[in-house]
């Protein structure tokens, strides 16, 4: 994303964050992405056990490309 994709307020917040805060935000985003993927898999496969859902989430994220 480019600076133009953010509001000036958002850019200011990002600039004021410490490196640790930015890293924690990245971890939070990653965790949220995994939770959303798991929720989608549960909807698609209501018969799956939670262990199956988590295994598939792990597989998907392990093979994700940037």
PDB file of N, CA and C in Angstrom:
ATOM      1  N   UNK A   1       0.834  -1.174   0.000  1.00  0.00           N
ATOM      2  CA  UNK A   1       0.000   0.000   0.000  1.00  0.00           C
ATOM      3  C   UNK A   1       0.885   1.246   0.000  1.00  0.00           C
ATOM      4  N   UNK A   2       0.358   2.266  -0.567  1.00  0.00           N
ATOM      5  CA  UNK A   2       1.072   3.539  -0.641  1.00  0.00           C
ATOM      6  C   UNK A   2       0.503   4.512   0.386  1.00  0.00           C
ATOM      7  N   UNK A   3       1.276   5.556   0.686  1.00  0.00           N
ATOM      8  CA  UNK A   3       0.810   6.565   1.642  1.00  0.00           C
ATOM      9  C   UNK A   3      -0.540   7.147   1.231  1.00  0.00           C
ATOM     10  N   UNK A   4      -0.797   7.246  -0.068  1.00  0.00           N
ATOM     11  CA  UNK A   4      -2.055   7.824  -0.543  1.00  0.00           C
ATOM     12  C   UNK A   4      -3.263   6.961  -0.181  1.00  0.00           C
ATOM     13  N   UNK A   5      -3.008   5.706   0.165  1.00  0.00           N
ATOM     14  CA  UNK A   5      -4.093   4.789   0.521  1.00  0.00           C
ATOM     15  C   UNK A   5      -4.592   4.992   1.955  1.00  0.00           C
ATOM     16  N   UNK A   6      -3.906   5.825   2.715  1.00  0.00           N
ATOM     17  CA  UNK A   6      -4.246   6.053   4.118  1.00  0.00           C
ATOM     18  C   UNK A   6      -4.693   7.498   4.324  1.00  0.00           C
ATOM     19  N   UNK A   7      -5.533   7.702   5.316  1.00  0.00           N
ATOM     20  CA  UNK A   7      -5.912   9.069   5.685  1.00  0.00           C
ATOM     21  C   UNK A   7      -4.731   9.714   6.411  1.00  0.00           C
ATOM     22  N   UNK A   8      -4.644  11.036   6.401  1.00  0.00           N
ATOM     23  CA  UNK A   8      -3.563  11.703   7.143  1.00  0.00           C
ATOM     24  C   UNK A   8      -3.554  11.323   8.626  1.00  0.00           C
ATOM     25  N   UNK A   9      -4.735  11.133   9.199  1.00  0.00           N
ATOM     26  CA  UNK A   9      -4.813  10.747  10.609  1.00  0.00           C
ATOM     27  C   UNK A   9      -4.212   9.363  10.837  1.00  0.00           C
ATOM     28  N   UNK A  10      -4.527   8.458   9.928  1.00  0.00           N
ATOM     29  CA  UNK A  10      -3.999   7.096  10.042  1.00  0.00           C
ATOM     30  C   UNK A  10      -2.482   7.102   9.897  1.00  0.00           C
ATOM     31  N   UNK A  11      -1.972   7.863   8.941  1.00  0.00           N
ATOM     32  CA  UNK A  11      -0.522   7.947   8.757  1.00  0.00           C
ATOM     33  C   UNK A  11       0.157   8.491  10.007  1.00  0.00           C
ATOM     34  N   UNK A  12      -0.444   9.495  10.620  1.00  0.00           N
ATOM     35  CA  UNK A  12       0.142  10.068  11.835  1.00  0.00           C
ATOM     36  C   UNK A  12       0.186   9.041  12.953  1.00  0.00           C
ATOM     37  N   UNK A  13      -0.876   8.262  13.093  1.00  0.00           N
ATOM     38  CA  UNK A  13      -0.897   7.205  14.112  1.00  0.00           C
ATOM     39  C   UNK A  13       0.218   6.194  13.843  1.00  0.00           C
ATOM     40  N   UNK A  14       0.360   5.781  12.593  1.00  0.00           N
ATOM     41  CA  UNK A  14       1.407   4.809  12.245  1.00  0.00           C
ATOM     42  C   UNK A  14       2.795   5.372  12.512  1.00  0.00           C
ATOM     43  N   UNK A  15       3.012   6.643  12.186  1.00  0.00           N
ATOM     44  CA  UNK A  15       4.321   7.258  12.403  1.00  0.00           C
ATOM     45  C   UNK A  15       4.671   7.359  13.882  1.00  0.00           C
ATOM     46  N   UNK A  16       3.677   7.519  14.729  1.00  0.00           N
ATOM     47  CA  UNK A  16       3.925   7.663  16.166  1.00  0.00           C
ATOM     48  C   UNK A  16       4.121   6.320  16.873  1.00  0.00           C
ATOM     49  N   UNK A  17       3.784   5.236  16.214  1.00  0.00           N
ATOM     50  CA  UNK A  17       3.921   3.914  16.840  1.00  0.00           C
ATOM     51  C   UNK A  17       5.393   3.534  16.955  1.00  0.00           C
ATOM     52  N   UNK A  18       5.714   2.894  18.066  1.00  0.00           N
ATOM     53  CA  UNK A  18       7.063   2.369  18.231  1.00  0.00           C
ATOM     54  C   UNK A  18       7.203   1.101  17.381  1.00  0.00           C
ATOM     55  N   UNK A  19       8.430   0.688  17.110  1.00  0.00           N
ATOM     56  CA  UNK A  19       8.600  -0.581  16.385  1.00  0.00           C
ATOM     57  C   UNK A  19       7.901  -1.744  17.084  1.00  0.00           C
ATOM     58  N   UNK A  20       7.951  -1.769  18.417  1.00  0.00           N
ATOM     59  CA  UNK A  20       7.273  -2.841  19.152  1.00  0.00           C
ATOM     60  C   UNK A  20       5.766  -2.793  18.930  1.00  0.00           C
ATOM     61  N   UNK A  21       5.186  -1.599  18.937  1.00  0.00           N
ATOM     62  CA  UNK A  21       3.749  -1.461  18.711  1.00  0.00           C
ATOM     63  C   UNK A  21       3.375  -1.916  17.297  1.00  0.00           C
ATOM     64  N   UNK A  22       4.220  -1.584  16.326  1.00  0.00           N
ATOM     65  CA  UNK A  22       3.959  -2.009  14.943  1.00  0.00           C
ATOM     66  C   UNK A  22       4.024  -3.528  14.822  1.00  0.00           C
ATOM     67  N   UNK A  23       4.994  -4.137  15.502  1.00  0.00           N
ATOM     68  CA  UNK A  23       5.114  -5.593  15.473  1.00  0.00           C
ATOM     69  C   UNK A  23       3.907  -6.246  16.125  1.00  0.00           C
ATOM     70  N   UNK A  24       3.475  -5.711  17.260  1.00  0.00           N
ATOM     71  CA  UNK A  24       2.298  -6.261  17.938  1.00  0.00           C
ATOM     72  C   UNK A  24       1.048  -6.114  17.060  1.00  0.00           C
ATOM     73  N   UNK A  25       0.925  -4.992  16.361  1.00  0.00           N
ATOM     74  CA  UNK A  25      -0.213  -4.801  15.457  1.00  0.00           C
ATOM     75  C   UNK A  25      -0.173  -5.835  14.330  1.00  0.00           C
ATOM     76  N   UNK A  26       1.019  -6.122  13.821  1.00  0.00           N
ATOM     77  CA  UNK A  26       1.148  -7.135  12.765  1.00  0.00           C
ATOM     78  C   UNK A  26       0.745  -8.512  13.290  1.00  0.00           C
ATOM     79  N   UNK A  27       1.173  -8.848  14.505  1.00  0.00           N
ATOM     80  CA  UNK A  27       0.777 -10.121  15.103  1.00  0.00           C
ATOM     81  C   UNK A  27      -0.741 -10.194  15.281  1.00  0.00           C
ATOM     82  N   UNK A  28      -1.330  -9.087  15.723  1.00  0.00           N
ATOM     83  CA  UNK A  28      -2.788  -9.049  15.902  1.00  0.00           C
ATOM     84  C   UNK A  28      -3.511  -9.261  14.568  1.00  0.00           C
ATOM     85  N   UNK A  29      -3.002  -8.634  13.506  1.00  0.00           N
ATOM     86  CA  UNK A  29      -3.609  -8.810  12.180  1.00  0.00           C
ATOM     87  C   UNK A  29      -3.507 -10.263  11.720  1.00  0.00           C
ATOM     88  N   UNK A  30      -2.355 -10.873  11.953  1.00  0.00           N
ATOM     89  CA  UNK A  30      -2.153 -12.266  11.584  1.00  0.00           C
ATOM     90  C   UNK A  30      -3.122 -13.173  12.346  1.00  0.00           C
ATOM     91  N   UNK A  31      -3.225 -12.950  13.654  1.00  0.00           N
ATOM     92  CA  UNK A  31      -4.155 -13.750  14.458  1.00  0.00           C
ATOM     93  C   UNK A  31      -5.591 -13.575  13.978  1.00  0.00           C
ATOM     94  N   UNK A  32      -5.966 -12.350  13.650  1.00  0.00           N
ATOM     95  CA  UNK A  32      -7.321 -12.080  13.162  1.00  0.00           C
ATOM     96  C   UNK A  32      -7.565 -12.785  11.835  1.00  0.00           C
ATOM     97  N   UNK A  33      -6.577 -12.767  10.954  1.00  0.00           N
ATOM     98  CA  UNK A  33      -6.719 -13.450   9.664  1.00  0.00           C
ATOM     99  C   UNK A  33      -6.931 -14.953   9.871  1.00  0.00           C
ATOM    100  N   UNK A  34      -6.195 -15.538  10.789  1.00  0.00           N
ATOM    101  CA  UNK A  34      -6.363 -16.967  11.076  1.00  0.00           C
ATOM    102  C   UNK A  34      -7.743 -17.256  11.651  1.00  0.00           C
ATOM    103  N   UNK A  35      -8.211 -16.385  12.554  1.00  0.00           N
ATOM    104  CA  UNK A  35      -9.545 -16.567  13.140  1.00  0.00           C
ATOM    105  C   UNK A  35     -10.638 -16.465  12.077  1.00  0.00           C
ATOM    106  N   UNK A  36     -10.490 -15.510  11.166  1.00  0.00           N
ATOM    107  CA  UNK A  36     -11.483 -15.368  10.099  1.00  0.00           C
ATOM    108  C   UNK A  36     -11.473 -16.574   9.165  1.00  0.00           C
ATOM    109  N   UNK A  37     -10.293 -17.072   8.840  1.00  0.00           N
ATOM    110  CA  UNK A  37     -10.195 -18.256   7.980  1.00  0.00           C
ATOM    111  C   UNK A  37     -10.834 -19.456   8.675  1.00  0.00           C
ATOM    112  N   UNK A  38     -10.574 -19.617   9.971  1.00  0.00           N
ATOM    113  CA  UNK A  38     -11.168 -20.728  10.719  1.00  0.00           C
ATOM    114  C   UNK A  38     -12.692 -20.609  10.730  1.00  0.00           C
ATOM    115  N   UNK A  39     -13.207 -19.406  10.927  1.00  0.00           N
ATOM    116  CA  UNK A  39     -14.663 -19.213  10.925  1.00  0.00           C
ATOM    117  C   UNK A  39     -15.252 -19.576   9.570  1.00  0.00           C
ATOM    118  N   UNK A  40     -14.583 -19.186   8.501  1.00  0.00           N
ATOM    119  CA  UNK A  40     -15.062 -19.529   7.166  1.00  0.00           C
ATOM    120  C   UNK A  40     -15.058 -21.034   6.936  1.00  0.00           C
ATOM    121  N   UNK A  41     -14.010 -21.692   7.389  1.00  0.00           N
ATOM    122  CA  UNK A  41     -13.937 -23.154   7.232  1.00  0.00           C
ATOM    123  C   UNK A  41     -15.024 -23.846   8.043  1.00  0.00           C
ATOM    124  N   UNK A  42     -15.299 -23.332   9.240  1.00  0.00           N
ATOM    125  CA  UNK A  42     -16.377 -23.927  10.040  1.00  0.00           C
ATOM    126  C   UNK A  42     -17.720 -23.800   9.340  1.00  0.00           C
ATOM    127  N   UNK A  43     -17.936 -22.682   8.658  1.00  0.00           N
ATOM    128  CA  UNK A  43     -19.194 -22.497   7.924  1.00  0.00           C
ATOM    129  C   UNK A  43     -19.262 -23.433   6.719  1.00  0.00           C
ATOM    130  N   UNK A  44     -18.151 -23.601   6.035  1.00  0.00           N
ATOM    131  CA  UNK A  44     -18.108 -24.468   4.857  1.00  0.00           C
ATOM    132  C   UNK A  44     -18.177 -25.946   5.229  1.00  0.00           C
ATOM    133  N   UNK A  45     -17.648 -26.286   6.387  1.00  0.00           N
ATOM    134  CA  UNK A  45     -17.541 -27.687   6.798  1.00  0.00           C
ATOM    135  C   UNK A  45     -18.055 -27.860   8.226  1.00  0.00           C
ATOM    136  N   UNK A  46     -19.343 -27.726   8.420  1.00  0.00           N
ATOM    137  CA  UNK A  46     -19.888 -27.814   9.786  1.00  0.00           C
ATOM    138  C   UNK A  46     -19.670 -29.182  10.442  1.00  0.00           C
ATOM    139  N   UNK A  47     -19.360 -30.174   9.640  1.00  0.00           N
ATOM    140  CA  UNK A  47     -19.133 -31.516  10.176  1.00  0.00           C
ATOM    141  C   UNK A  47     -17.705 -31.730  10.665  1.00  0.00           C
ATOM    142  N   UNK A  48     -16.801 -30.795  10.390  1.00  0.00           N
ATOM    143  CA  UNK A  48     -15.407 -30.944  10.793  1.00  0.00           C
ATOM    144  C   UNK A  48     -15.248 -30.735  12.289  1.00  0.00           C
ATOM    145  N   UNK A  49     -14.353 -31.515  12.881  1.00  0.00           N
ATOM    146  CA  UNK A  49     -13.952 -31.297  14.261  1.00  0.00           C
ATOM    147  C   UNK A  49     -13.031 -30.076  14.315  1.00  0.00           C
ATOM    148  N   UNK A  50     -12.936 -29.459  15.488  1.00  0.00           N
ATOM    149  CA  UNK A  50     -12.091 -28.266  15.625  1.00  0.00           C
ATOM    150  C   UNK A  50     -10.641 -28.562  15.250  1.00  0.00           C
ATOM    151  N   UNK A  51     -10.175 -29.752  15.569  1.00  0.00           N
ATOM    152  CA  UNK A  51      -8.802 -30.121  15.213  1.00  0.00           C
ATOM    153  C   UNK A  51      -8.608 -30.102  13.697  1.00  0.00           C
ATOM    154  N   UNK A  52      -9.634 -30.542  12.949  1.00  0.00           N
ATOM    155  CA  UNK A  52      -9.552 -30.523  11.487  1.00  0.00           C
ATOM    156  C   UNK A  52      -9.514 -29.082  10.983  1.00  0.00           C
ATOM    157  N   UNK A  53     -10.322 -28.230  11.564  1.00  0.00           N
ATOM    158  CA  UNK A  53     -10.346 -26.814  11.164  1.00  0.00           C
ATOM    159  C   UNK A  53      -8.961 -26.207  11.383  1.00  0.00           C
ATOM    160  N   UNK A  54      -8.401 -26.419  12.567  1.00  0.00           N
ATOM    161  CA  UNK A  54      -7.107 -25.814  12.885  1.00  0.00           C
ATOM    162  C   UNK A  54      -5.986 -26.384  12.016  1.00  0.00           C
ATOM    163  N   UNK A  55      -6.072 -27.652  11.692  1.00  0.00           N
ATOM    164  CA  UNK A  55      -5.068 -28.255  10.804  1.00  0.00           C
ATOM    165  C   UNK A  55      -5.134 -27.627   9.417  1.00  0.00           C
ATOM    166  N   UNK A  56      -6.342 -27.402   8.921  1.00  0.00           N
ATOM    167  CA  UNK A  56      -6.502 -26.792   7.599  1.00  0.00           C
ATOM    168  C   UNK A  56      -6.055 -25.331   7.612  1.00  0.00           C
ATOM    169  N   UNK A  57      -6.363 -24.609   8.673  1.00  0.00           N
ATOM    170  CA  UNK A  57      -5.894 -23.220   8.794  1.00  0.00           C
ATOM    171  C   UNK A  57      -4.364 -23.202   8.747  1.00  0.00           C
ATOM    172  N   UNK A  58      -3.738 -24.078   9.503  1.00  0.00           N
ATOM    173  CA  UNK A  58      -2.275 -24.142   9.513  1.00  0.00           C
ATOM    174  C   UNK A  58      -1.726 -24.464   8.131  1.00  0.00           C
ATOM    175  N   UNK A  59      -2.354 -25.423   7.455  1.00  0.00           N
ATOM    176  CA  UNK A  59      -1.900 -25.788   6.108  1.00  0.00           C
ATOM    177  C   UNK A  59      -2.005 -24.601   5.158  1.00  0.00           C
ATOM    178  N   UNK A  60      -3.135 -23.910   5.206  1.00  0.00           N
ATOM    179  CA  UNK A  60      -3.363 -22.770   4.315  1.00  0.00           C
ATOM    180  C   UNK A  60      -2.332 -21.666   4.574  1.00  0.00           C
ATOM    181  N   UNK A  61      -2.106 -21.346   5.835  1.00  0.00           N
ATOM    182  CA  UNK A  61      -1.180 -20.266   6.146  1.00  0.00           C
ATOM    183  C   UNK A  61       0.274 -20.671   5.905  1.00  0.00           C
ATOM    184  N   UNK A  62       0.567 -21.939   6.059  1.00  0.00           N
ATOM    185  CA  UNK A  62       1.921 -22.414   5.793  1.00  0.00           C
ATOM    186  C   UNK A  62       2.265 -22.269   4.314  1.00  0.00           C
ATOM    187  N   UNK A  63       1.263 -22.470   3.447  1.00  0.00           N
ATOM    188  CA  UNK A  63       1.504 -22.430   2.009  1.00  0.00           C
ATOM    189  C   UNK A  63       1.084 -21.110   1.369  1.00  0.00           C
ATOM    190  N   UNK A  64       0.750 -20.117   2.173  1.00  0.00           N
ATOM    191  CA  UNK A  64       0.342 -18.812   1.628  1.00  0.00           C
ATOM    192  C   UNK A  64       1.542 -18.125   0.981  1.00  0.00           C
ATOM    193  N   UNK A  65       1.255 -17.409  -0.067  1.00  0.00           N
ATOM    194  CA  UNK A  65       2.298 -16.630  -0.750  1.00  0.00           C
ATOM    195  C   UNK A  65       1.999 -15.167  -0.578  1.00  0.00           C
ATOM    196  N   UNK A  66       3.052 -14.379  -0.538  1.00  0.00           N
ATOM    197  CA  UNK A  66       2.887 -12.930  -0.400  1.00  0.00           C
ATOM    198  C   UNK A  66       2.835 -12.258  -1.748  1.00  0.00           C
TER     199      UNK A  66
END
